[in-house]
C-alpha atoms as a PDB file:
ATOM      1  CA  MET A   1      -6.591  20.445 -14.767  1.00  0.00           C
ATOM      2  CA  PRO A   2      -7.400  17.825 -12.118  1.00  0.00           C
ATOM      3  CA  SER A   3      -8.383  18.931  -8.636  1.00  0.00           C
ATOM      4  CA  ASN A   4      -6.382  18.047  -5.537  1.00  0.00           C
ATOM      5  CA  ALA A   5      -9.027  15.493  -4.602  1.00  0.00           C
ATOM      6  CA  GLU A   6      -8.720  13.799  -7.997  1.00  0.00           C
ATOM      7  CA  ILE A   7      -4.935  13.723  -7.731  1.00  0.00           C
ATOM      8  CA  ALA A   8      -5.112  12.251  -4.223  1.00  0.00           C
ATOM      9  CA  LYS A   9      -7.698   9.658  -5.284  1.00  0.00           C
ATOM     10  CA  ASP A  10      -5.581   8.552  -8.246  1.00  0.00           C
ATOM     11  CA  ALA A  11      -2.402   8.352  -6.155  1.00  0.00           C
ATOM     12  CA  ILE A  12      -4.167   6.337  -3.448  1.00  0.00           C
ATOM     13  CA  GLU A  13      -5.508   3.884  -6.030  1.00  0.00           C
ATOM     14  CA  GLN A  14      -2.038   3.505  -7.566  1.00  0.00           C
ATOM     15  CA  PHE A  15      -0.496   3.049  -4.118  1.00  0.00           C
ATOM     16  CA  LYS A  16      -2.930   0.286  -3.209  1.00  0.00           C
ATOM     17  CA  LYS A  17      -2.393  -1.426  -6.570  1.00  0.00           C
ATOM     18  CA  VAL A  18       1.404  -1.366  -6.236  1.00  0.00           C
ATOM     19  CA  GLN A  19       1.121  -2.857  -2.744  1.00  0.00           C
ATOM     20  CA  ARG A  20      -1.044  -5.717  -4.046  1.00  0.00           C
ATOM     21  CA  TYR A  21       1.511  -6.461  -6.764  1.00  0.00           C
ATOM     22  CA  MET A  22       4.340  -6.276  -4.216  1.00  0.00           C
ATOM     23  CA  MET A  23       2.611  -8.873  -2.058  1.00  0.00           C
ATOM     24  CA  VAL A  24       2.187 -11.204  -5.048  1.00  0.00           C
ATOM     25  CA  ALA A  25       5.808 -10.687  -6.113  1.00  0.00           C
ATOM     26  CA  LYS A  26       6.987 -11.491  -2.595  1.00  0.00           C
ATOM     27  CA  GLU A  27       4.866 -14.657  -2.464  1.00  0.00           C
ATOM     28  CA  GLU A  28       6.306 -15.767  -5.807  1.00  0.00           C
ATOM     29  CA  ASN A  29       9.838 -14.843  -4.703  1.00  0.00           C
ATOM     30  CA  ALA A  30      10.141 -12.476  -7.678  1.00  0.00           C
ATOM     31  CA  THR A  31      12.861 -10.343  -6.156  1.00  0.00           C
ATOM     32  CA  LYS A  32      13.567  -8.190  -9.229  1.00  0.00           C
ATOM     33  CA  THR A  33       9.893  -7.454  -9.734  1.00  0.00           C
ATOM     34  CA  TYR A  34       9.506  -6.663  -6.043  1.00  0.00           C
ATOM     35  CA  ALA A  35      12.457  -4.246  -6.173  1.00  0.00           C
ATOM     36  CA  GLU A  36      10.977  -2.408  -9.167  1.00  0.00           C
ATOM     37  CA  LEU A  37       7.584  -2.180  -7.496  1.00  0.00           C
ATOM     38  CA  LYS A  38       9.214  -0.935  -4.296  1.00  0.00           C
ATOM     39  CA  THR A  39      10.600   2.045  -6.226  1.00  0.00           C
ATOM     40  CA  ASP A  40       7.070   2.968  -7.304  1.00  0.00           C
ATOM     41  CA  TYR A  41       5.781   2.286  -3.795  1.00  0.00           C
ATOM     42  CA  LEU A  42       8.290   4.670  -2.217  1.00  0.00           C
ATOM     43  CA  SER A  43       7.588   7.401  -4.782  1.00  0.00           C
ATOM     44  CA  LEU A  44       3.844   7.148  -4.270  1.00  0.00           C
ATOM     45  CA  LYS A  45       4.280   7.045  -0.500  1.00  0.00           C
ATOM     46  CA  ALA A  46       6.340  10.244  -0.619  1.00  0.00           C
ATOM     47  CA  LEU A  47       3.751  11.954  -2.847  1.00  0.00           C
ATOM     48  CA  LEU A  48       0.899  10.949  -0.566  1.00  0.00           C
ATOM     49  CA  ASN A  49       2.789  12.208   2.480  1.00  0.00           C
ATOM     50  CA  VAL A  50       3.418  15.557   0.774  1.00  0.00           C
ATOM     51  CA  ILE A  51      -0.247  16.040  -0.049  1.00  0.00           C
ATOM     52  CA  GLY A  52      -1.239  15.115   3.497  1.00  0.00           C
ATOM     53  CA  VAL A  53      -2.805  11.689   3.054  1.00  0.00           C
ATOM     54  CA  ASN A  54      -2.839   9.612   6.245  1.00  0.00           C
ATOM     55  CA  LEU A  55      -1.237   6.299   5.299  1.00  0.00           C
ATOM     56  CA  ILE A  56      -1.875   4.452   8.557  1.00  0.00           C
ATOM     57  CA  ASP A  57      -4.873   2.520   7.238  1.00  0.00           C
ATOM     58  CA  ILE A  58      -3.781   2.022   3.624  1.00  0.00           C
ATOM     59  CA  ASP A  59      -0.079   1.198   3.956  1.00  0.00           C
ATOM     60  CA  ILE A  60      -0.044  -2.575   4.374  1.00  0.00           C
ATOM     61  CA  ILE A  61       3.598  -3.051   3.313  1.00  0.00           C
ATOM     62  CA  LYS A  62       5.036  -0.524   5.802  1.00  0.00           C
ATOM     63  CA  GLU A  63       8.542  -0.295   4.341  1.00  0.00           C
END
């Protein structure tokens, strides 16, 4: 079973990756792709908030 630190690390990496893809989708005006990524973004953001991760420095989308 993964430790809390491993879970947090994985979620942070996923969160950062989704944000990068969201930025690319926005640049390419891929609105459907952006909307799908936003769903993942919001889920990961909620998870990170629950486990106490400070998002101030890593949340570049801020939605």
